[in-house]
Amino acid sequence: MPSSLTEALDTLVRDIADWPEPGVVFRDVTPLLADPDGLRLTVEGLAGLGHEIAGGPIDKVVGIEARGFIFGTPVAVALGAGFVPARKAGKLPSATHGVEYDLEYGAATVEIHQDGLAPGDRVLVVDDVLATGGTMAAVDELIARTGANPVANVVVLEIGALGGRARMAADRFGALRTY
């Protein structure tokens, strides 16, 4: 049973070498999700960091598919905010807003429902890991296009060597743990 957020992240996030391909070290958060105290500490940490960075109330939390849904929903509850999923193109059943962004090899589109955010909403974006930052930067752009205001971006883990932080607004980004 971890007694602190640091202990939870250090003991419950496991490294999987050479997955999904040789040379990659995958940071697996499933043991963290399975541990009630670790999960609670992580949700509290994300909510606290998001609120601190935002500097005020948050109206909506946007969680990025798929693990951003897992962390974002309880963060929204903790902050008294609504939750909006950001999904890959074609996965949401109603009318959507979308933005296309570049991947290492090709492009992708991220979408939210058109009625998910209102102009002026203060939005916290949550995900599990920040790697290159492309998806999170695209979600910020998508939020801004709706007239809502992305006030903070938080992640459980940041892979610093991949440079994703450079794509984020420095005054709006925070990670619970950086590798």
C-alpha atoms as a PDB file:
ATOM      1  CA  MET A   1       0.000   0.000   0.000  1.00  0.00           C
ATOM      2  CA  PRO A   2       1.712   3.212  -1.153  1.00  0.00           C
ATOM      3  CA  SER A   3       1.670   6.067   1.336  1.00  0.00           C
ATOM      4  CA  SER A   4       2.492   8.854  -1.119  1.00  0.00           C
ATOM      5  CA  LEU A   5       1.972   9.696  -4.761  1.00  0.00           C
ATOM      6  CA  THR A   6       5.712   9.432  -5.409  1.00  0.00           C
ATOM      7  CA  GLU A   7       5.811   5.967  -3.869  1.00  0.00           C
ATOM      8  CA  ALA A   8       2.755   4.897  -5.883  1.00  0.00           C
ATOM      9  CA  LEU A   9       4.268   6.039  -9.169  1.00  0.00           C
ATOM     10  CA  ASP A  10       7.689   4.588  -8.371  1.00  0.00           C
ATOM     11  CA  THR A  11       6.380   1.179  -7.295  1.00  0.00           C
ATOM     12  CA  LEU A  12       3.207   0.682  -9.342  1.00  0.00           C
ATOM     13  CA  VAL A  13       4.229   1.854 -12.819  1.00  0.00           C
ATOM     14  CA  ARG A  14       6.152  -0.994 -14.376  1.00  0.00           C
ATOM     15  CA  ASP A  15       8.592  -0.854 -17.245  1.00  0.00           C
ATOM     16  CA  ILE A  16       8.087  -3.297 -20.092  1.00  0.00           C
ATOM     17  CA  ALA A  17      11.265  -3.515 -22.153  1.00  0.00           C
ATOM     18  CA  ASP A  18      11.103  -3.890 -25.926  1.00  0.00           C
ATOM     19  CA  TRP A  19       7.349  -3.349 -26.194  1.00  0.00           C
ATOM     20  CA  PRO A  20       5.655  -2.694 -28.567  1.00  0.00           C
ATOM     21  CA  GLU A  21       8.932  -2.950 -30.488  1.00  0.00           C
ATOM     22  CA  PRO A  22      12.620  -3.510 -29.732  1.00  0.00           C
ATOM     23  CA  GLY A  23      14.322  -0.570 -28.040  1.00  0.00           C
ATOM     24  CA  VAL A  24      11.134   0.898 -26.555  1.00  0.00           C
ATOM     25  CA  VAL A  25      10.508   0.893 -22.803  1.00  0.00           C
ATOM     26  CA  PHE A  26       6.743   0.954 -22.288  1.00  0.00           C
ATOM     27  CA  ARG A  27       5.463   2.518 -19.042  1.00  0.00           C
ATOM     28  CA  ASP A  28       2.575   0.291 -17.953  1.00  0.00           C
ATOM     29  CA  VAL A  29       0.058   1.999 -15.636  1.00  0.00           C
ATOM     30  CA  THR A  30      -2.246  -1.017 -15.213  1.00  0.00           C
ATOM     31  CA  PRO A  31      -0.749  -1.981 -11.808  1.00  0.00           C
ATOM     32  CA  LEU A  32      -1.358   1.615 -10.673  1.00  0.00           C
ATOM     33  CA  LEU A  33      -4.987   1.374 -11.828  1.00  0.00           C
ATOM     34  CA  ALA A  34      -5.423  -1.933  -9.969  1.00  0.00           C
ATOM     35  CA  ASP A  35      -4.207  -0.533  -6.653  1.00  0.00           C
ATOM     36  CA  PRO A  36      -6.980   1.410  -4.840  1.00  0.00           C
ATOM     37  CA  ASP A  37      -4.581   3.645  -2.895  1.00  0.00           C
ATOM     38  CA  GLY A  38      -2.325   4.238  -5.880  1.00  0.00           C
ATOM     39  CA  LEU A  39      -5.291   5.126  -8.065  1.00  0.00           C
ATOM     40  CA  ARG A  40      -6.744   7.465  -5.423  1.00  0.00           C
ATOM     41  CA  LEU A  41      -3.393   9.215  -4.930  1.00  0.00           C
ATOM     42  CA  THR A  42      -2.974   9.608  -8.691  1.00  0.00           C
ATOM     43  CA  VAL A  43      -6.462  11.046  -9.215  1.00  0.00           C
ATOM     44  CA  GLU A  44      -5.963  13.444  -6.290  1.00  0.00           C
ATOM     45  CA  GLY A  45      -2.572  14.433  -7.696  1.00  0.00           C
ATOM     46  CA  LEU A  46      -3.935  15.105 -11.189  1.00  0.00           C
ATOM     47  CA  ALA A  47      -6.912  17.056  -9.849  1.00  0.00           C
ATOM     48  CA  GLY A  48      -4.716  19.136  -7.542  1.00  0.00           C
ATOM     49  CA  LEU A  49      -2.107  19.848 -10.202  1.00  0.00           C
ATOM     50  CA  GLY A  50      -4.775  20.726 -12.772  1.00  0.00           C
ATOM     51  CA  HIS A  51      -6.539  23.090 -10.374  1.00  0.00           C
ATOM     52  CA  GLU A  52      -3.224  24.722  -9.393  1.00  0.00           C
ATOM     53  CA  ILE A  53      -2.154  25.277 -13.007  1.00  0.00           C
ATOM     54  CA  ALA A  54      -5.618  26.508 -14.042  1.00  0.00           C
ATOM     55  CA  GLY A  55      -5.619  29.012 -11.201  1.00  0.00           C
ATOM     56  CA  GLY A  56      -9.341  28.713 -10.693  1.00  0.00           C
ATOM     57  CA  PRO A  57     -12.421  26.646 -11.367  1.00  0.00           C
ATOM     58  CA  ILE A  58     -12.588  24.086 -14.155  1.00  0.00           C
ATOM     59  CA  ASP A  59     -15.843  23.570 -16.056  1.00  0.00           C
ATOM     60  CA  LYS A  60     -14.920  20.491 -18.090  1.00  0.00           C
ATOM     61  CA  VAL A  61     -12.241  17.825 -18.152  1.00  0.00           C
ATOM     62  CA  VAL A  62     -11.307  16.435 -21.558  1.00  0.00           C
ATOM     63  CA  GLY A  63      -9.784  12.959 -21.433  1.00  0.00           C
ATOM     64  CA  ILE A  64      -7.772  11.692 -24.387  1.00  0.00           C
ATOM     65  CA  GLU A  65      -8.539   8.204 -25.723  1.00  0.00           C
ATOM     66  CA  ALA A  66      -8.139   5.788 -24.106  1.00  0.00           C
ATOM     67  CA  ARG A  67      -6.331   5.957 -20.772  1.00  0.00           C
ATOM     68  CA  GLY A  68      -7.171   9.647 -20.488  1.00  0.00           C
ATOM     69  CA  PHE A  69     -10.767   8.439 -20.068  1.00  0.00           C
ATOM     70  CA  ILE A  70      -9.746   6.272 -17.116  1.00  0.00           C
ATOM     71  CA  PHE A  71      -7.942   9.083 -15.293  1.00  0.00           C
ATOM     72  CA  GLY A  72     -10.000  12.020 -16.572  1.00  0.00           C
ATOM     73  CA  THR A  73     -13.400  10.876 -15.402  1.00  0.00           C
ATOM     74  CA  PRO A  74     -12.557  10.626 -11.673  1.00  0.00           C
ATOM     75  CA  VAL A  75     -10.566  13.867 -11.955  1.00  0.00           C
ATOM     76  CA  ALA A  76     -13.702  15.552 -13.299  1.00  0.00           C
ATOM     77  CA  VAL A  77     -15.721  14.188 -10.377  1.00  0.00           C
ATOM     78  CA  ALA A  78     -13.068  15.388  -7.903  1.00  0.00           C
ATOM     79  CA  LEU A  79     -13.188  18.889  -9.430  1.00  0.00           C
ATOM     80  CA  GLY A  80     -16.976  19.077  -9.738  1.00  0.00           C
ATOM     81  CA  ALA A  81     -16.617  19.355 -13.509  1.00  0.00           C
ATOM     82  CA  GLY A  82     -18.154  17.601 -16.493  1.00  0.00           C
ATOM     83  CA  PHE A  83     -16.215  15.068 -18.580  1.00  0.00           C
ATOM     84  CA  VAL A  84     -15.787  15.132 -22.380  1.00  0.00           C
ATOM     85  CA  PRO A  85     -14.014  12.333 -24.277  1.00  0.00           C
ATOM     86  CA  ALA A  86     -11.580  13.201 -27.087  1.00  0.00           C
ATOM     87  CA  ARG A  87     -11.613  10.278 -29.496  1.00  0.00           C
ATOM     88  CA  LYS A  88     -10.154   9.093 -32.742  1.00  0.00           C
ATOM     89  CA  ALA A  89     -12.158  10.021 -35.831  1.00  0.00           C
ATOM     90  CA  GLY A  90     -15.374   8.126 -36.380  1.00  0.00           C
ATOM     91  CA  LYS A  91     -15.760   6.815 -32.805  1.00  0.00           C
ATOM     92  CA  LEU A  92     -18.309   9.320 -31.456  1.00  0.00           C
ATOM     93  CA  PRO A  93     -22.002   8.818 -32.328  1.00  0.00           C
ATOM     94  CA  SER A  94     -23.173  12.435 -32.665  1.00  0.00           C
ATOM     95  CA  ALA A  95     -22.025  15.523 -34.603  1.00  0.00           C
ATOM     96  CA  THR A  96     -18.365  16.328 -33.876  1.00  0.00           C
ATOM     97  CA  HIS A  97     -15.664  18.946 -34.127  1.00  0.00           C
ATOM     98  CA  GLY A  98     -12.337  17.546 -35.312  1.00  0.00           C
ATOM     99  CA  VAL A  99      -8.765  18.525 -35.942  1.00  0.00           C
ATOM    100  CA  GLU A 100      -6.173  16.657 -37.996  1.00  0.00           C
ATOM    101  CA  TYR A 101      -2.603  16.427 -36.769  1.00  0.00           C
ATOM    102  CA  ASP A 102       0.633  14.855 -37.957  1.00  0.00           C
ATOM    103  CA  LEU A 103       2.028  11.594 -36.687  1.00  0.00           C
ATOM    104  CA  GLU A 104       5.517  10.249 -37.276  1.00  0.00           C
ATOM    105  CA  TYR A 105       4.196   8.365 -40.313  1.00  0.00           C
ATOM    106  CA  GLY A 106       0.983   9.925 -41.565  1.00  0.00           C
ATOM    107  CA  ALA A 107      -1.817  11.862 -39.932  1.00  0.00           C
ATOM    108  CA  ALA A 108      -4.689  11.323 -37.510  1.00  0.00           C
ATOM    109  CA  THR A 109      -7.836  13.176 -36.485  1.00  0.00           C
ATOM    110  CA  VAL A 110      -9.126  13.729 -32.968  1.00  0.00           C
ATOM    111  CA  GLU A 111     -12.767  14.630 -32.317  1.00  0.00           C
ATOM    112  CA  ILE A 112     -15.150  15.754 -29.590  1.00  0.00           C
ATOM    113  CA  HIS A 113     -18.925  16.090 -29.682  1.00  0.00           C
ATOM    114  CA  GLN A 114     -20.115  19.500 -30.857  1.00  0.00           C
ATOM    115  CA  ASP A 115     -22.203  19.888 -27.714  1.00  0.00           C
ATOM    116  CA  GLY A 116     -19.393  18.775 -25.381  1.00  0.00           C
ATOM    117  CA  LEU A 117     -17.894  22.210 -24.735  1.00  0.00           C
ATOM    118  CA  ALA A 118     -19.393  25.689 -24.654  1.00  0.00           C
ATOM    119  CA  PRO A 119     -17.639  28.943 -25.520  1.00  0.00           C
ATOM    120  CA  GLY A 120     -15.854  30.210 -22.427  1.00  0.00           C
ATOM    121  CA  ASP A 121     -15.638  26.815 -20.695  1.00  0.00           C
ATOM    122  CA  ARG A 122     -12.416  26.449 -18.701  1.00  0.00           C
ATOM    123  CA  VAL A 123     -11.020  23.059 -19.706  1.00  0.00           C
ATOM    124  CA  LEU A 124      -8.468  20.730 -18.111  1.00  0.00           C
ATOM    125  CA  VAL A 125      -6.966  18.141 -20.494  1.00  0.00           C
ATOM    126  CA  VAL A 126      -5.929  14.812 -18.917  1.00  0.00           C
ATOM    127  CA  ASP A 127      -3.959  11.888 -20.303  1.00  0.00           C
ATOM    128  CA  ASP A 128      -1.779   9.115 -18.945  1.00  0.00           C
ATOM    129  CA  VAL A 129       1.496   9.764 -20.787  1.00  0.00           C
ATOM    130  CA  LEU A 130       2.984  12.686 -22.694  1.00  0.00           C
ATOM    131  CA  ALA A 131       5.399  11.411 -25.324  1.00  0.00           C
ATOM    132  CA  THR A 132       5.831  13.595 -28.429  1.00  0.00           C
ATOM    133  CA  GLY A 133       2.887  15.821 -27.476  1.00  0.00           C
ATOM    134  CA  GLY A 134       1.163  15.706 -30.864  1.00  0.00           C
ATOM    135  CA  THR A 135      -2.174  14.396 -29.673  1.00  0.00           C
ATOM    136  CA  MET A 136      -2.395  16.676 -26.647  1.00  0.00           C
ATOM    137  CA  ALA A 137      -1.449  19.737 -28.720  1.00  0.00           C
ATOM    138  CA  ALA A 138      -4.154  18.780 -31.237  1.00  0.00           C
ATOM    139  CA  VAL A 139      -6.718  18.452 -28.435  1.00  0.00           C
ATOM    140  CA  ASP A 140      -5.768  21.923 -27.151  1.00  0.00           C
ATOM    141  CA  GLU A 141      -6.284  23.304 -30.666  1.00  0.00           C
ATOM    142  CA  LEU A 142      -9.625  21.525 -30.948  1.00  0.00           C
ATOM    143  CA  ILE A 143     -10.790  22.962 -27.609  1.00  0.00           C
ATOM    144  CA  ALA A 144      -9.771  26.475 -28.657  1.00  0.00           C
ATOM    145  CA  ARG A 145     -11.651  26.104 -31.964  1.00  0.00           C
ATOM    146  CA  THR A 146     -14.877  25.508 -30.006  1.00  0.00           C
ATOM    147  CA  GLY A 147     -14.446  28.811 -28.163  1.00  0.00           C
ATOM    148  CA  ALA A 148     -13.604  27.025 -24.918  1.00  0.00           C
ATOM    149  CA  ASN A 149     -10.350  27.777 -23.088  1.00  0.00           C
ATOM    150  CA  PRO A 150      -7.781  25.024 -22.446  1.00  0.00           C
ATOM    151  CA  VAL A 151      -6.459  26.245 -19.065  1.00  0.00           C
ATOM    152  CA  ALA A 152      -4.287  23.259 -18.074  1.00  0.00           C
ATOM    153  CA  ASN A 153      -2.842  20.011 -19.407  1.00  0.00           C
ATOM    154  CA  VAL A 154      -1.826  17.282 -16.968  1.00  0.00           C
ATOM    155  CA  VAL A 155      -0.449  13.783 -17.356  1.00  0.00           C
ATOM    156  CA  VAL A 156       0.533  10.998 -15.022  1.00  0.00           C
ATOM    157  CA  LEU A 157       3.868  10.384 -16.782  1.00  0.00           C
ATOM    158  CA  GLU A 158       6.042  12.398 -19.131  1.00  0.00           C
ATOM    159  CA  ILE A 159       8.715  10.785 -21.312  1.00  0.00           C
ATOM    160  CA  GLY A 160      11.077  13.769 -21.298  1.00  0.00           C
ATOM    161  CA  ALA A 161      13.477  12.506 -23.956  1.00  0.00           C
ATOM    162  CA  LEU A 162      10.703  12.616 -26.578  1.00  0.00           C
ATOM    163  CA  GLY A 163      10.303  16.385 -26.256  1.00  0.00           C
ATOM    164  CA  GLY A 164       6.522  16.601 -25.966  1.00  0.00           C
ATOM    165  CA  ARG A 165       6.664  19.380 -23.381  1.00  0.00           C
ATOM    166  CA  ALA A 166       8.056  21.733 -26.043  1.00  0.00           C
ATOM    167  CA  ARG A 167       4.746  21.448 -27.938  1.00  0.00           C
ATOM    168  CA  MET A 168       2.721  22.428 -24.883  1.00  0.00           C
ATOM    169  CA  ALA A 169       2.104  25.893 -23.445  1.00  0.00           C
ATOM    170  CA  ALA A 170       4.713  25.958 -20.668  1.00  0.00           C
ATOM    171  CA  ASP A 171       2.460  27.745 -18.190  1.00  0.00           C
ATOM    172  CA  ARG A 172      -0.354  25.222 -18.724  1.00  0.00           C
ATOM    173  CA  PHE A 173       1.462  21.876 -18.489  1.00  0.00           C
ATOM    174  CA  GLY A 174       2.271  19.582 -15.593  1.00  0.00           C
ATOM    175  CA  ALA A 175       3.270  15.959 -15.078  1.00  0.00           C
ATOM    176  CA  LEU A 176       3.146  13.916 -11.894  1.00  0.00           C
ATOM    177  CA  ARG A 177       6.341  12.061 -12.886  1.00  0.00           C
ATOM    178  CA  THR A 178       8.916  12.658 -15.613  1.00  0.00           C
ATOM    179  CA  TYR A 179      11.227   9.947 -16.947  1.00  0.00           C
END
